[in-house]
Full PDB file with SEQRES, HELIX, SHEET, SSBOND, CRYST1, ORIGX, SCALE, CONECT and MASTER records, all heavy atoms in Angstrom:
SEQRES   1 A   31  GLY GLY GLY LEU VAL GLN PRO GLY GLY SER LEU GLY LEU          
SEQRES   2 A   31  SER CYS ALA ALA SER GLY SER ILE PHE ASN ILE PHE ALA          
SEQRES   3 A   31  MET GLY TRP TYR ARG                                          
HELIX    1 AA1 PHE A   22  ILE A   24  5                                   3    
CRYST1    1.000    1.000    1.000  90.00  90.00  90.00 P 1           1          
ORIGX1      1.000000  0.000000  0.000000        0.00000                         
ORIGX2      0.000000  1.000000  0.000000        0.00000                         
ORIGX3      0.000000  0.000000  1.000000        0.00000                         
SCALE1      1.000000  0.000000  0.000000        0.00000                         
SCALE2      0.000000  1.000000  0.000000        0.00000                         
SCALE3      0.000000  0.000000  1.000000        0.00000                         
ATOM      1  N   GLY A   1       0.770  -1.228   0.000  1.00  0.00           N  
ATOM      2  CA  GLY A   1       0.000   0.000   0.000  1.00  0.00           C  
ATOM      3  C   GLY A   1       0.802   1.279   0.000  1.00  0.00           C  
ATOM      4  O   GLY A   1       0.224   2.364  -0.096  1.00  0.00           O  
ATOM      5  N   GLY A   2       2.120   1.195   0.110  1.00  0.00           N  
ATOM      6  CA  GLY A   2       2.937   2.391   0.080  1.00  0.00           C  
ATOM      7  C   GLY A   2       2.954   3.030  -1.292  1.00  0.00           C  
ATOM      8  O   GLY A   2       2.517   2.450  -2.278  1.00  0.00           O  
ATOM      9  N   GLY A   3       3.464   4.258  -1.346  1.00  0.00           N  
ATOM     10  CA  GLY A   3       3.541   4.971  -2.602  1.00  0.00           C  
ATOM     11  C   GLY A   3       3.832   6.436  -2.396  1.00  0.00           C  
ATOM     12  O   GLY A   3       4.224   6.865  -1.313  1.00  0.00           O  
ATOM     13  N   LEU A   4       3.637   7.208  -3.458  1.00  0.00           N  
ATOM     14  CA  LEU A   4       3.866   8.650  -3.457  1.00  0.00           C  
ATOM     15  C   LEU A   4       2.537   9.376  -3.333  1.00  0.00           C  
ATOM     16  O   LEU A   4       1.589   9.081  -4.062  1.00  0.00           O  
ATOM     17  CB  LEU A   4       4.576   9.069  -4.746  1.00  0.00           C  
ATOM     18  CG  LEU A   4       4.783  10.560  -4.975  1.00  0.00           C  
ATOM     19  CD1 LEU A   4       5.715  11.147  -3.926  1.00  0.00           C  
ATOM     20  CD2 LEU A   4       5.331  10.795  -6.379  1.00  0.00           C  
ATOM     21  N   VAL A   5       2.480  10.331  -2.417  1.00  0.00           N  
ATOM     22  CA  VAL A   5       1.258  11.096  -2.204  1.00  0.00           C  
ATOM     23  C   VAL A   5       1.624  12.544  -1.890  1.00  0.00           C  
ATOM     24  O   VAL A   5       2.682  12.815  -1.325  1.00  0.00           O  
ATOM     25  CB  VAL A   5       0.408  10.471  -1.074  1.00  0.00           C  
ATOM     26  CG1 VAL A   5       1.136  10.564   0.264  1.00  0.00           C  
ATOM     27  CG2 VAL A   5      -0.967  11.108  -0.992  1.00  0.00           C  
ATOM     28  N   GLN A   6       0.762  13.478  -2.274  1.00  0.00           N  
ATOM     29  CA  GLN A   6       0.984  14.883  -1.973  1.00  0.00           C  
ATOM     30  C   GLN A   6       0.626  15.197  -0.527  1.00  0.00           C  
ATOM     31  O   GLN A   6      -0.190  14.493   0.083  1.00  0.00           O  
ATOM     32  CB  GLN A   6       0.149  15.759  -2.909  1.00  0.00           C  
ATOM     33  CG  GLN A   6       0.549  15.669  -4.364  1.00  0.00           C  
ATOM     34  CD  GLN A   6      -0.250  16.605  -5.244  1.00  0.00           C  
ATOM     35  OE1 GLN A   6      -1.101  17.352  -4.780  1.00  0.00           O  
ATOM     36  NE2 GLN A   6       0.035  16.570  -6.538  1.00  0.00           N  
ATOM     37  N   PRO A   7       1.238  16.227   0.056  1.00  0.00           N  
ATOM     38  CA  PRO A   7       0.846  16.636   1.404  1.00  0.00           C  
ATOM     39  C   PRO A   7      -0.658  16.867   1.496  1.00  0.00           C  
ATOM     40  O   PRO A   7      -1.266  17.460   0.604  1.00  0.00           O  
ATOM     41  CB  PRO A   7       1.630  17.934   1.619  1.00  0.00           C  
ATOM     42  CG  PRO A   7       2.829  17.782   0.738  1.00  0.00           C  
ATOM     43  CD  PRO A   7       2.334  17.041  -0.479  1.00  0.00           C  
ATOM     44  N   GLY A   8      -1.242  16.375   2.586  1.00  0.00           N  
ATOM     45  CA  GLY A   8      -2.675  16.459   2.774  1.00  0.00           C  
ATOM     46  C   GLY A   8      -3.437  15.274   2.234  1.00  0.00           C  
ATOM     47  O   GLY A   8      -4.632  15.126   2.518  1.00  0.00           O  
ATOM     48  N   GLY A   9      -2.764  14.426   1.479  1.00  0.00           N  
ATOM     49  CA  GLY A   9      -3.395  13.249   0.914  1.00  0.00           C  
ATOM     50  C   GLY A   9      -3.455  12.094   1.880  1.00  0.00           C  
ATOM     51  O   GLY A   9      -3.052  12.196   3.041  1.00  0.00           O  
ATOM     52  N   SER A  10      -3.943  10.965   1.384  1.00  0.00           N  
ATOM     53  CA  SER A  10      -4.147   9.783   2.208  1.00  0.00           C  
ATOM     54  C   SER A  10      -3.571   8.544   1.549  1.00  0.00           C  
ATOM     55  O   SER A  10      -3.505   8.444   0.321  1.00  0.00           O  
ATOM     56  CB  SER A  10      -5.641   9.550   2.459  1.00  0.00           C  
ATOM     57  OG  SER A  10      -6.227  10.625   3.173  1.00  0.00           O  
ATOM     58  N   LEU A  11      -3.163   7.607   2.373  1.00  0.00           N  
ATOM     59  CA  LEU A  11      -2.746   6.282   1.945  1.00  0.00           C  
ATOM     60  C   LEU A  11      -3.219   5.266   2.966  1.00  0.00           C  
ATOM     61  O   LEU A  11      -3.292   5.571   4.159  1.00  0.00           O  
ATOM     62  CB  LEU A  11      -1.229   6.167   1.807  1.00  0.00           C  
ATOM     63  CG  LEU A  11      -0.554   6.746   0.575  1.00  0.00           C  
ATOM     64  CD1 LEU A  11       0.963   6.628   0.716  1.00  0.00           C  
ATOM     65  CD2 LEU A  11      -1.023   6.049  -0.691  1.00  0.00           C  
ATOM     66  N   GLY A  12      -3.514   4.063   2.506  1.00  0.00           N  
ATOM     67  CA  GLY A  12      -3.849   2.966   3.383  1.00  0.00           C  
ATOM     68  C   GLY A  12      -2.867   1.832   3.226  1.00  0.00           C  
ATOM     69  O   GLY A  12      -2.633   1.359   2.114  1.00  0.00           O  
ATOM     70  N   LEU A  13      -2.255   1.408   4.324  1.00  0.00           N  
ATOM     71  CA  LEU A  13      -1.303   0.311   4.323  1.00  0.00           C  
ATOM     72  C   LEU A  13      -1.966  -0.951   4.860  1.00  0.00           C  
ATOM     73  O   LEU A  13      -2.820  -0.886   5.745  1.00  0.00           O  
ATOM     74  CB  LEU A  13      -0.082   0.633   5.181  1.00  0.00           C  
ATOM     75  CG  LEU A  13       0.667   1.926   4.875  1.00  0.00           C  
ATOM     76  CD1 LEU A  13       1.880   2.052   5.778  1.00  0.00           C  
ATOM     77  CD2 LEU A  13       1.066   1.989   3.411  1.00  0.00           C  
ATOM     78  N   SER A  14      -1.549  -2.087   4.325  1.00  0.00           N  
ATOM     79  CA  SER A  14      -2.028  -3.383   4.787  1.00  0.00           C  
ATOM     80  C   SER A  14      -0.849  -4.263   5.136  1.00  0.00           C  
ATOM     81  O   SER A  14       0.212  -4.170   4.524  1.00  0.00           O  
ATOM     82  CB  SER A  14      -2.878  -4.075   3.719  1.00  0.00           C  
ATOM     83  OG  SER A  14      -4.049  -3.343   3.432  1.00  0.00           O  
ATOM     84  N   CYS A  15      -1.039  -5.123   6.109  1.00  0.00           N  
ATOM     85  CA  CYS A  15      -0.033  -6.093   6.518  1.00  0.00           C  
ATOM     86  C   CYS A  15      -0.723  -7.434   6.670  1.00  0.00           C  
ATOM     87  O   CYS A  15      -1.540  -7.617   7.583  1.00  0.00           O  
ATOM     88  CB  CYS A  15       0.631  -5.669   7.826  1.00  0.00           C  
ATOM     89  SG  CYS A  15       1.769  -6.883   8.525  1.00  0.00           S  
ATOM     90  N   ALA A  16      -0.409  -8.352   5.771  1.00  0.00           N  
ATOM     91  CA  ALA A  16      -0.997  -9.683   5.790  1.00  0.00           C  
ATOM     92  C   ALA A  16      -0.078 -10.637   6.532  1.00  0.00           C  
ATOM     93  O   ALA A  16       1.122 -10.673   6.281  1.00  0.00           O  
ATOM     94  CB  ALA A  16      -1.240 -10.181   4.373  1.00  0.00           C  
ATOM     95  N   ALA A  17      -0.639 -11.423   7.426  1.00  0.00           N  
ATOM     96  CA  ALA A  17       0.129 -12.309   8.283  1.00  0.00           C  
ATOM     97  C   ALA A  17      -0.174 -13.764   7.986  1.00  0.00           C  
ATOM     98  O   ALA A  17      -1.309 -14.131   7.666  1.00  0.00           O  
ATOM     99  CB  ALA A  17      -0.158 -12.020   9.753  1.00  0.00           C  
ATOM    100  N   SER A  18       0.849 -14.591   8.099  1.00  0.00           N  
ATOM    101  CA  SER A  18       0.675 -16.028   8.020  1.00  0.00           C  
ATOM    102  C   SER A  18       0.474 -16.588   9.421  1.00  0.00           C  
ATOM    103  O   SER A  18       0.576 -15.870  10.417  1.00  0.00           O  
ATOM    104  CB  SER A  18       1.885 -16.675   7.353  1.00  0.00           C  
ATOM    105  OG  SER A  18       3.049 -16.517   8.155  1.00  0.00           O  
ATOM    106  N   GLY A  19       0.206 -17.892   9.506  1.00  0.00           N  
ATOM    107  CA  GLY A  19       0.052 -18.530  10.792  1.00  0.00           C  
ATOM    108  C   GLY A  19      -1.392 -18.621  11.232  1.00  0.00           C  
ATOM    109  O   GLY A  19      -2.269 -17.927  10.705  1.00  0.00           O  
ATOM    110  N   SER A  20      -1.633 -19.434  12.235  1.00  0.00           N  
ATOM    111  CA  SER A  20      -2.986 -19.708  12.703  1.00  0.00           C  
ATOM    112  C   SER A  20      -3.325 -19.054  14.027  1.00  0.00           C  
ATOM    113  O   SER A  20      -4.452 -19.199  14.504  1.00  0.00           O  
ATOM    114  CB  SER A  20      -3.195 -21.222  12.820  1.00  0.00           C  
ATOM    115  OG  SER A  20      -2.288 -21.794  13.755  1.00  0.00           O  
ATOM    116  N   ILE A  21      -2.375 -18.329  14.635  1.00  0.00           N  
ATOM    117  CA  ILE A  21      -2.616 -17.715  15.939  1.00  0.00           C  
ATOM    118  C   ILE A  21      -2.507 -16.197  15.880  1.00  0.00           C  
ATOM    119  O   ILE A  21      -2.215 -15.549  16.883  1.00  0.00           O  
ATOM    120  CB  ILE A  21      -1.655 -18.272  17.010  1.00  0.00           C  
ATOM    121  CG1 ILE A  21      -0.192 -18.084  16.601  1.00  0.00           C  
ATOM    122  CG2 ILE A  21      -1.961 -19.735  17.281  1.00  0.00           C  
ATOM    123  CD1 ILE A  21       0.793 -18.464  17.686  1.00  0.00           C  
ATOM    124  N   PHE A  22      -2.754 -15.615  14.704  1.00  0.00           N  
ATOM    125  CA  PHE A  22      -2.688 -14.176  14.527  1.00  0.00           C  
ATOM    126  C   PHE A  22      -3.552 -13.438  15.533  1.00  0.00           C  
ATOM    127  O   PHE A  22      -3.176 -12.362  16.013  1.00  0.00           O  
ATOM    128  CB  PHE A  22      -3.112 -13.812  13.095  1.00  0.00           C  
ATOM    129  CG  PHE A  22      -3.283 -12.343  12.859  1.00  0.00           C  
ATOM    130  CD1 PHE A  22      -2.205 -11.550  12.527  1.00  0.00           C  
ATOM    131  CD2 PHE A  22      -4.537 -11.753  12.958  1.00  0.00           C  
ATOM    132  CE1 PHE A  22      -2.360 -10.191  12.292  1.00  0.00           C  
ATOM    133  CE2 PHE A  22      -4.706 -10.400  12.727  1.00  0.00           C  
ATOM    134  CZ  PHE A  22      -3.612  -9.613  12.392  1.00  0.00           C  
ATOM    135  N   ASN A  23      -4.691 -13.994  15.856  1.00  0.00           N  
ATOM    136  CA  ASN A  23      -5.660 -13.297  16.685  1.00  0.00           C  
ATOM    137  C   ASN A  23      -5.189 -13.023  18.104  1.00  0.00           C  
ATOM    138  O   ASN A  23      -5.765 -12.160  18.783  1.00  0.00           O  
ATOM    139  CB  ASN A  23      -6.986 -14.067  16.714  1.00  0.00           C  
ATOM    140  CG  ASN A  23      -6.853 -15.443  17.314  1.00  0.00           C  
ATOM    141  OD1 ASN A  23      -5.927 -16.189  17.000  1.00  0.00           O  
ATOM    142  ND2 ASN A  23      -7.797 -15.807  18.176  1.00  0.00           N  
ATOM    143  N   ILE A  24      -4.159 -13.705  18.592  1.00  0.00           N  
ATOM    144  CA  ILE A  24      -3.675 -13.487  19.952  1.00  0.00           C  
ATOM    145  C   ILE A  24      -2.429 -12.612  20.012  1.00  0.00           C  
ATOM    146  O   ILE A  24      -1.953 -12.307  21.105  1.00  0.00           O  
ATOM    147  CB  ILE A  24      -3.406 -14.813  20.685  1.00  0.00           C  
ATOM    148  CG1 ILE A  24      -2.180 -15.517  20.101  1.00  0.00           C  
ATOM    149  CG2 ILE A  24      -4.639 -15.713  20.635  1.00  0.00           C  
ATOM    150  CD1 ILE A  24      -1.731 -16.712  20.924  1.00  0.00           C  
ATOM    151  N   PHE A  25      -1.921 -12.190  18.871  1.00  0.00           N  
ATOM    152  CA  PHE A  25      -0.700 -11.401  18.833  1.00  0.00           C  
ATOM    153  C   PHE A  25      -1.004  -9.908  18.875  1.00  0.00           C  
ATOM    154  O   PHE A  25      -1.996  -9.454  18.306  1.00  0.00           O  
ATOM    155  CB  PHE A  25       0.100 -11.705  17.566  1.00  0.00           C  
ATOM    156  CG  PHE A  25       0.964 -12.920  17.660  1.00  0.00           C  
ATOM    157  CD1 PHE A  25       0.411 -14.187  17.634  1.00  0.00           C  
ATOM    158  CD2 PHE A  25       2.341 -12.809  17.772  1.00  0.00           C  
ATOM    159  CE1 PHE A  25       1.203 -15.312  17.721  1.00  0.00           C  
ATOM    160  CE2 PHE A  25       3.150 -13.922  17.859  1.00  0.00           C  
ATOM    161  CZ  PHE A  25       2.578 -15.174  17.831  1.00  0.00           C  
ATOM    162  N   ALA A  26      -0.131  -9.178  19.547  1.00  0.00           N  
ATOM    163  CA  ALA A  26      -0.129  -7.726  19.439  1.00  0.00           C  
ATOM    164  C   ALA A  26       0.484  -7.326  18.103  1.00  0.00           C  
ATOM    165  O   ALA A  26       1.353  -8.023  17.570  1.00  0.00           O  
ATOM    166  CB  ALA A  26       0.660  -7.105  20.583  1.00  0.00           C  
ATOM    167  N   MET A  27       0.047  -6.200  17.551  1.00  0.00           N  
ATOM    168  CA  MET A  27       0.514  -5.734  16.253  1.00  0.00           C  
ATOM    169  C   MET A  27       0.905  -4.273  16.353  1.00  0.00           C  
ATOM    170  O   MET A  27       0.348  -3.521  17.145  1.00  0.00           O  
ATOM    171  CB  MET A  27      -0.563  -5.890  15.177  1.00  0.00           C  
ATOM    172  CG  MET A  27      -1.117  -7.289  15.006  1.00  0.00           C  
ATOM    173  SD  MET A  27       0.089  -8.457  14.327  1.00  0.00           S  
ATOM    174  CE  MET A  27       0.467  -7.693  12.740  1.00  0.00           C  
ATOM    175  N   GLY A  28       1.856  -3.887  15.514  1.00  0.00           N  
ATOM    176  CA  GLY A  28       2.272  -2.496  15.492  1.00  0.00           C  
ATOM    177  C   GLY A  28       2.776  -2.075  14.133  1.00  0.00           C  
ATOM    178  O   GLY A  28       3.177  -2.907  13.311  1.00  0.00           O  
ATOM    179  N   TRP A  29       2.734  -0.777  13.902  1.00  0.00           N  
ATOM    180  CA  TRP A  29       3.363  -0.156  12.743  1.00  0.00           C  
ATOM    181  C   TRP A  29       4.493   0.733  13.226  1.00  0.00           C  
ATOM    182  O   TRP A  29       4.315   1.507  14.177  1.00  0.00           O  
ATOM    183  CB  TRP A  29       2.366   0.670  11.929  1.00  0.00           C  
ATOM    184  CG  TRP A  29       1.404  -0.134  11.107  1.00  0.00           C  
ATOM    185  CD1 TRP A  29       0.132  -0.477  11.430  1.00  0.00           C  
ATOM    186  CD2 TRP A  29       1.646  -0.678   9.808  1.00  0.00           C  
ATOM    187  NE1 TRP A  29      -0.442  -1.204  10.426  1.00  0.00           N  
ATOM    188  CE2 TRP A  29       0.467  -1.346   9.410  1.00  0.00           C  
ATOM    189  CE3 TRP A  29       2.730  -0.671   8.937  1.00  0.00           C  
ATOM    190  CZ2 TRP A  29       0.354  -2.000   8.184  1.00  0.00           C  
ATOM    191  CZ3 TRP A  29       2.616  -1.324   7.724  1.00  0.00           C  
ATOM    192  CH2 TRP A  29       1.439  -1.975   7.363  1.00  0.00           C  
ATOM    193  N   TYR A  30       5.640   0.612  12.580  1.00  0.00           N  
ATOM    194  CA  TYR A  30       6.806   1.435  12.844  1.00  0.00           C  
ATOM    195  C   TYR A  30       7.250   2.085  11.544  1.00  0.00           C  
ATOM    196  O   TYR A  30       6.877   1.642  10.458  1.00  0.00           O  
ATOM    197  CB  TYR A  30       7.950   0.604  13.422  1.00  0.00           C  
ATOM    198  CG  TYR A  30       7.683   0.069  14.813  1.00  0.00           C  
ATOM    199  CD1 TYR A  30       6.769  -0.954  15.031  1.00  0.00           C  
ATOM    200  CD2 TYR A  30       8.359   0.591  15.917  1.00  0.00           C  
ATOM    201  CE1 TYR A  30       6.523  -1.442  16.304  1.00  0.00           C  
ATOM    202  CE2 TYR A  30       8.124   0.108  17.186  1.00  0.00           C  
ATOM    203  CZ  TYR A  30       7.207  -0.909  17.376  1.00  0.00           C  
ATOM    204  OH  TYR A  30       6.975  -1.390  18.643  1.00  0.00           O  
ATOM    205  N   ARG A  31       8.061   3.129  11.645  1.00  0.00           N  
ATOM    206  CA  ARG A  31       8.583   3.759  10.445  1.00  0.00           C  
ATOM    207  C   ARG A  31      10.022   4.197  10.668  1.00  0.00           C  
ATOM    208  O   ARG A  31      10.435   4.488  11.788  1.00  0.00           O  
ATOM    209  CB  ARG A  31       7.720   4.942  10.005  1.00  0.00           C  
ATOM    210  CG  ARG A  31       7.703   6.125  10.966  1.00  0.00           C  
ATOM    211  CD  ARG A  31       6.679   7.157  10.510  1.00  0.00           C  
ATOM    212  NE  ARG A  31       6.654   8.329  11.365  1.00  0.00           N  
ATOM    213  CZ  ARG A  31       5.774   9.312  11.259  1.00  0.00           C  
ATOM    214  NH1 ARG A  31       4.828   9.258  10.313  1.00  0.00           N  
ATOM    215  NH2 ARG A  31       5.831  10.353  12.082  1.00  0.00           N  
TER     216      ARG A  31                                                      
MASTER        0    0    0    1    0    0    0    6  215    1    0    3          
END                                                                             
């Protein structure tokens, strides 16, 4: 979902996970 955008614009990022226990994990975004 990354890319180039002008100031004031919007972007949506997605993170797809493997595994069967995703629902019990904490998640975060860093930059």
